[in-house]
């Protein structure tokens, strides 16, 4: 019994030191000058644009990575083809490569002057680097693996019996996917979407390289936090951090609230 309580104490203490205390201090510092000061800090035009741009990153990157993630998971689990092992390995590349390296790679490929294809985009009047498209690409790259990795185990667990039964009854591939496969993997996909959203919200390194950090133009919420902190505006930095943390918490809570209702239905 003592060892059980000791194990719980160590686990909770470890989480408290790594997560609880630092997050609590962020909230404390954000509101130490009052709620009004924190509110004023996150309602400036620069802050509002930073949060808007972050929302754009999420609303574009998450659906695209969700679609890719489900298709890639289906290909890896359900198909047999040359290069399947390579695809499975490449999906994990964002886990292995530093986000800063990702940003530099995008700069080399899509750079306006000397990039491999950047000059072609420049000739078409499209600027990738130091603009929103480059930031979206960076966000998509770093958040790409989560839906794939959360969906693959579920696909393997459910097997193919139900899909084969649907095909036997005359269902086409799309009908089988939307009526059989997708309902069976929906919570794996949903959890992957939550992780992808959290990663997109908090991305800093790759976006920092390709954005140019132009205040009010190419500055996301994480870059805004860095900007405020470097300018010794601690209230603004901590207040923006609190908003990002609350968005992530709301996303997690919404998933956990909706899940039991879906399960009962």
Protein backbone atom coordinates (compact mmCIF):
# COMPACT_ATOMS: atom_id res chain seq x y z
CA UNK A 1 0.00 0.00 0.00
CA UNK A 2 2.82 2.41 0.85
CA UNK A 3 4.57 1.70 -2.43
CA UNK A 4 1.32 2.43 -4.28
CA UNK A 5 0.93 5.83 -2.66
CA UNK A 6 4.62 6.56 -3.12
CA UNK A 7 4.34 5.81 -6.84
CA UNK A 8 1.35 8.14 -7.15
CA UNK A 9 3.14 10.85 -5.20
CA UNK A 10 6.21 10.60 -7.43
CA UNK A 11 4.13 10.67 -10.63
CA UNK A 12 2.03 13.64 -9.52
CA UNK A 13 5.07 15.43 -8.12
CA UNK A 14 6.97 14.95 -11.38
CA UNK A 15 4.03 16.31 -13.40
CA UNK A 16 3.64 19.17 -10.96
CA UNK A 17 7.27 20.23 -11.28
CA UNK A 18 7.29 19.97 -15.08
CA UNK A 19 3.77 21.22 -15.89
CA UNK A 20 1.71 22.36 -12.94
CA UNK A 21 4.02 24.90 -11.33
CA UNK A 22 5.27 26.53 -14.59
CA UNK A 23 1.73 26.86 -15.99
CA UNK A 24 0.45 28.23 -12.67
CA UNK A 25 3.25 30.82 -12.66
CA UNK A 26 2.33 31.89 -16.21
CA UNK A 27 -1.27 32.50 -15.09
CA UNK A 28 -0.08 34.30 -11.95
CA UNK A 29 2.27 36.62 -13.84
CA UNK A 30 -0.37 37.32 -16.49
CA UNK A 31 -2.84 38.67 -13.93
CA UNK A 32 -0.50 40.12 -11.32
CA UNK A 33 -1.22 43.65 -12.63
CA UNK A 34 -4.94 42.98 -12.79
CA UNK A 35 -7.36 41.51 -15.29
CA UNK A 36 -7.67 44.85 -17.05
CA UNK A 37 -3.97 45.02 -17.88
CA UNK A 38 -4.00 41.46 -19.23
CA UNK A 39 -7.11 42.19 -21.30
CA UNK A 40 -5.57 45.34 -22.75
CA UNK A 41 -2.44 43.38 -23.66
CA UNK A 42 -4.32 40.80 -25.75
CA UNK A 43 -6.72 43.23 -27.44
CA UNK A 44 -4.15 45.44 -29.15
CA UNK A 45 -4.25 45.39 -32.98
CA UNK A 46 -0.95 43.48 -33.09
CA UNK A 47 -2.17 40.84 -30.65
CA UNK A 48 -5.50 40.44 -32.42
CA UNK A 49 -3.76 39.99 -35.77
CA UNK A 50 -1.36 37.45 -34.22
CA UNK A 51 -4.26 35.38 -32.90
CA UNK A 52 -6.11 35.72 -36.20
CA UNK A 53 -3.06 34.48 -38.12
CA UNK A 54 -2.66 31.59 -35.68
CA UNK A 55 -6.31 30.69 -36.30
CA UNK A 56 -5.63 30.73 -40.05
CA UNK A 57 -2.67 28.38 -39.55
CA UNK A 58 -4.87 25.97 -37.60
CA UNK A 59 -7.93 26.10 -39.84
CA UNK A 60 -5.84 25.35 -42.94
CA UNK A 61 -3.20 22.95 -41.61
CA UNK A 62 -5.43 20.75 -39.43
CA UNK A 63 -8.05 19.74 -42.07
CA UNK A 64 -5.38 19.12 -44.72
CA UNK A 65 -3.27 17.03 -42.35
CA UNK A 66 -6.38 15.17 -41.21
CA UNK A 67 -7.26 14.19 -44.78
CA UNK A 68 -3.67 13.21 -45.51
CA UNK A 69 -3.38 11.37 -42.21
CA UNK A 70 -6.44 9.19 -42.80
CA UNK A 71 -5.43 8.40 -46.39
CA UNK A 72 -1.84 7.65 -45.40
CA UNK A 73 -2.99 5.40 -42.55
CA UNK A 74 -5.31 3.50 -44.90
CA UNK A 75 -2.48 3.09 -47.41
CA UNK A 76 -0.01 1.85 -44.79
CA UNK A 77 -2.40 -0.58 -43.10
CA UNK A 78 -4.72 -1.73 -45.88
CA UNK A 79 -2.48 -1.63 -48.96
CA UNK A 80 0.61 -3.56 -50.05
CA UNK A 81 2.87 -1.66 -52.42
CA UNK A 82 6.51 -0.84 -53.03
CA UNK A 83 7.62 2.01 -50.87
CA UNK A 84 5.09 1.36 -48.08
CA UNK A 85 7.87 1.03 -45.50
CA UNK A 86 9.44 4.24 -46.80
CA UNK A 87 6.12 6.09 -46.50
CA UNK A 88 5.72 4.77 -42.97
CA UNK A 89 9.18 6.06 -42.08
CA UNK A 90 8.78 9.43 -43.79
CA UNK A 91 5.63 10.15 -41.82
CA UNK A 92 7.78 10.30 -38.67
CA UNK A 93 10.30 12.70 -40.22
CA UNK A 94 8.86 15.79 -38.48
CA UNK A 95 9.46 14.03 -35.14
CA UNK A 96 13.13 13.54 -35.95
CA UNK A 97 13.99 16.85 -37.62
CA UNK A 98 14.29 20.08 -35.68
CA UNK A 99 11.63 22.64 -36.60
CA UNK A 100 14.38 25.19 -37.25
CA UNK A 101 15.88 22.82 -39.83
CA UNK A 102 12.42 22.48 -41.39
CA UNK A 103 12.20 26.25 -41.69
CA UNK A 104 15.63 26.45 -43.31
CA UNK A 105 14.70 23.67 -45.74
CA UNK A 106 11.55 25.54 -46.76
CA UNK A 107 13.64 28.67 -47.18
CA UNK A 108 15.99 26.83 -49.55
CA UNK A 109 13.15 25.38 -51.60
CA UNK A 110 10.72 28.30 -51.72
CA UNK A 111 13.07 31.23 -51.18
CA UNK A 112 12.16 34.14 -53.42
CA UNK A 113 15.61 34.71 -54.96
CA UNK A 114 17.66 31.54 -54.86
CA UNK A 115 15.17 28.85 -53.90
CA UNK A 116 14.68 25.79 -56.09
CA UNK A 117 11.12 26.77 -57.04
CA UNK A 118 10.84 30.12 -55.30
CA UNK A 119 11.76 32.09 -58.39
CA UNK A 120 8.96 30.41 -60.37
CA UNK A 121 6.41 31.40 -57.71
CA UNK A 122 7.87 34.91 -57.67
CA UNK A 123 7.40 35.14 -61.44
CA UNK A 124 3.75 34.20 -60.95
CA UNK A 125 3.37 36.93 -58.35
CA UNK A 126 3.14 34.50 -55.42
CA UNK A 127 5.40 34.99 -52.43
CA UNK A 128 5.84 31.88 -50.26
CA UNK A 129 8.58 32.77 -47.82
CA UNK A 130 8.01 35.65 -45.38
CA UNK A 131 4.27 35.42 -45.99
CA UNK A 132 1.28 33.37 -44.92
CA UNK A 133 1.70 30.47 -47.42
CA UNK A 134 5.19 29.68 -46.13
CA UNK A 135 3.97 29.78 -42.54
CA UNK A 136 1.14 27.39 -43.40
CA UNK A 137 3.60 24.99 -45.07
CA UNK A 138 5.83 25.05 -42.00
CA UNK A 139 2.87 24.42 -39.69
CA UNK A 140 1.61 21.58 -41.86
CA UNK A 141 5.02 19.91 -41.90
CA UNK A 142 5.59 19.90 -38.15
CA UNK A 143 2.03 18.75 -37.35
CA UNK A 144 1.76 16.12 -40.09
CA UNK A 145 2.35 12.80 -38.22
CA UNK A 146 -0.25 12.96 -35.45
CA UNK A 147 -3.41 11.87 -37.26
CA UNK A 148 -1.49 9.10 -39.04
CA UNK A 149 0.02 7.73 -35.85
CA UNK A 150 -3.27 7.83 -33.93
CA UNK A 151 -5.26 6.21 -36.76
CA UNK A 152 -2.94 3.34 -37.71
CA UNK A 153 -3.34 1.37 -34.42
CA UNK A 154 -7.12 1.68 -34.58
CA UNK A 155 -7.23 0.44 -38.17
CA UNK A 156 -5.12 -2.56 -37.22
CA UNK A 157 -7.32 -3.28 -34.22
CA UNK A 158 -10.66 -3.22 -36.06
CA UNK A 159 -9.38 -5.49 -38.84
CA UNK A 160 -11.07 -5.85 -42.21
CA UNK A 161 -14.02 -8.14 -41.43
CA UNK A 162 -16.65 -5.38 -41.35
CA UNK A 163 -15.30 -3.78 -44.51
CA UNK A 164 -15.33 -7.13 -46.31
CA UNK A 165 -18.90 -7.72 -45.16
CA UNK A 166 -19.96 -4.33 -46.50
CA UNK A 167 -18.29 -5.04 -49.84
CA UNK A 168 -20.07 -8.42 -49.98
CA UNK A 169 -23.40 -6.65 -49.49
CA UNK A 170 -22.67 -4.42 -52.46
CA UNK A 171 -21.23 -1.31 -50.82
CA UNK A 172 -18.71 0.65 -52.86
CA UNK A 173 -15.36 1.87 -51.53
CA UNK A 174 -16.71 5.29 -50.54
CA UNK A 175 -19.80 3.83 -48.89
CA UNK A 176 -17.65 1.36 -46.99
CA UNK A 177 -15.33 4.10 -45.83
CA UNK A 178 -17.98 6.57 -44.65
CA UNK A 179 -20.38 4.00 -43.18
CA UNK A 180 -18.01 1.41 -41.77
CA UNK A 181 -14.37 2.49 -41.56
CA UNK A 182 -14.71 6.13 -40.53
CA UNK A 183 -17.18 5.49 -37.65
CA UNK A 184 -14.85 2.78 -36.35
CA UNK A 185 -11.76 5.01 -36.36
CA UNK A 186 -13.42 8.31 -35.48
CA UNK A 187 -11.94 8.61 -31.99
CA UNK A 188 -8.46 7.82 -33.18
CA UNK A 189 -8.85 10.50 -35.83
CA UNK A 190 -10.36 12.91 -33.29
CA UNK A 191 -7.45 12.47 -30.89
CA UNK A 192 -5.03 12.98 -33.77
CA UNK A 193 -6.87 16.18 -34.68
CA UNK A 194 -6.55 17.43 -31.09
CA UNK A 195 -2.80 16.76 -31.09
CA UNK A 196 -2.44 18.36 -34.53
CA UNK A 197 -4.33 21.43 -33.35
CA UNK A 198 -2.19 21.74 -30.24
CA UNK A 199 0.99 21.40 -32.30
CA UNK A 200 -0.19 23.97 -34.83
CA UNK A 201 -1.12 26.42 -32.07
CA UNK A 202 2.25 26.13 -30.38
CA UNK A 203 4.58 25.96 -33.37
CA UNK A 204 7.46 28.41 -33.12
CA UNK A 205 10.76 27.25 -34.65
CA UNK A 206 9.85 26.58 -38.29
CA UNK A 207 7.38 29.46 -38.48
CA UNK A 208 9.95 31.78 -36.93
CA UNK A 209 12.38 31.08 -39.79
CA UNK A 210 9.95 31.49 -42.70
CA UNK A 211 7.76 34.29 -41.35
CA UNK A 212 10.13 37.25 -41.09
CA UNK A 213 8.45 38.15 -37.75
CA UNK A 214 6.78 41.28 -39.10
CA UNK A 215 4.56 42.63 -36.35
CA UNK A 216 0.97 42.91 -37.49
CA UNK A 217 1.71 41.01 -40.72
CA UNK A 218 3.53 37.67 -40.30
CA UNK A 219 3.53 37.29 -36.53
CA UNK A 220 1.63 34.38 -34.99
CA UNK A 221 0.67 34.19 -31.32
CA UNK A 222 3.84 32.33 -30.34
CA UNK A 223 5.99 34.88 -32.17
CA UNK A 224 3.99 37.64 -30.51
CA UNK A 225 4.82 36.15 -27.10
CA UNK A 226 8.52 36.20 -27.95
CA UNK A 227 8.26 39.76 -29.28
CA UNK A 228 6.54 41.04 -26.14
CA UNK A 229 9.00 39.25 -23.87
CA UNK A 230 12.03 40.65 -25.70
CA UNK A 231 10.53 44.14 -25.35
CA UNK A 232 10.15 43.58 -21.59
CA UNK A 233 6.35 43.59 -21.84
CA UNK A 234 5.92 40.65 -19.51
CA UNK A 235 2.20 41.20 -19.01
CA UNK A 236 1.62 41.04 -22.77
CA UNK A 237 3.78 37.92 -23.15
CA UNK A 238 2.16 36.07 -20.26
CA UNK A 239 -1.37 37.15 -21.20
CA UNK A 240 -0.95 35.88 -24.77
CA UNK A 241 0.48 32.63 -23.37
CA UNK A 242 -2.60 32.24 -21.17
CA UNK A 243 -4.88 32.64 -24.20
CA UNK A 244 -2.97 29.93 -26.08
CA UNK A 245 -3.12 27.63 -23.06
CA UNK A 246 -6.86 28.20 -22.63
CA UNK A 247 -7.51 27.44 -26.31
CA UNK A 248 -5.65 24.15 -25.97
CA UNK A 249 -7.52 23.27 -22.78
CA UNK A 250 -10.89 24.08 -24.34
CA UNK A 251 -10.05 21.81 -27.28
CA UNK A 252 -9.20 18.92 -24.95
CA UNK A 253 -12.25 19.47 -22.75
CA UNK A 254 -14.58 19.68 -25.75
CA UNK A 255 -13.34 16.33 -27.00
CA UNK A 256 -13.84 14.68 -23.60
CA UNK A 257 -17.32 16.19 -23.21
CA UNK A 258 -18.49 15.13 -26.64
CA UNK A 259 -17.05 11.60 -26.51
CA UNK A 260 -19.44 10.11 -23.89
CA UNK A 261 -22.46 11.48 -25.77
CA UNK A 262 -21.24 9.91 -28.98
CA UNK A 263 -20.59 6.63 -27.22
CA UNK A 264 -24.11 6.57 -25.75
CA UNK A 265 -25.61 7.35 -29.14
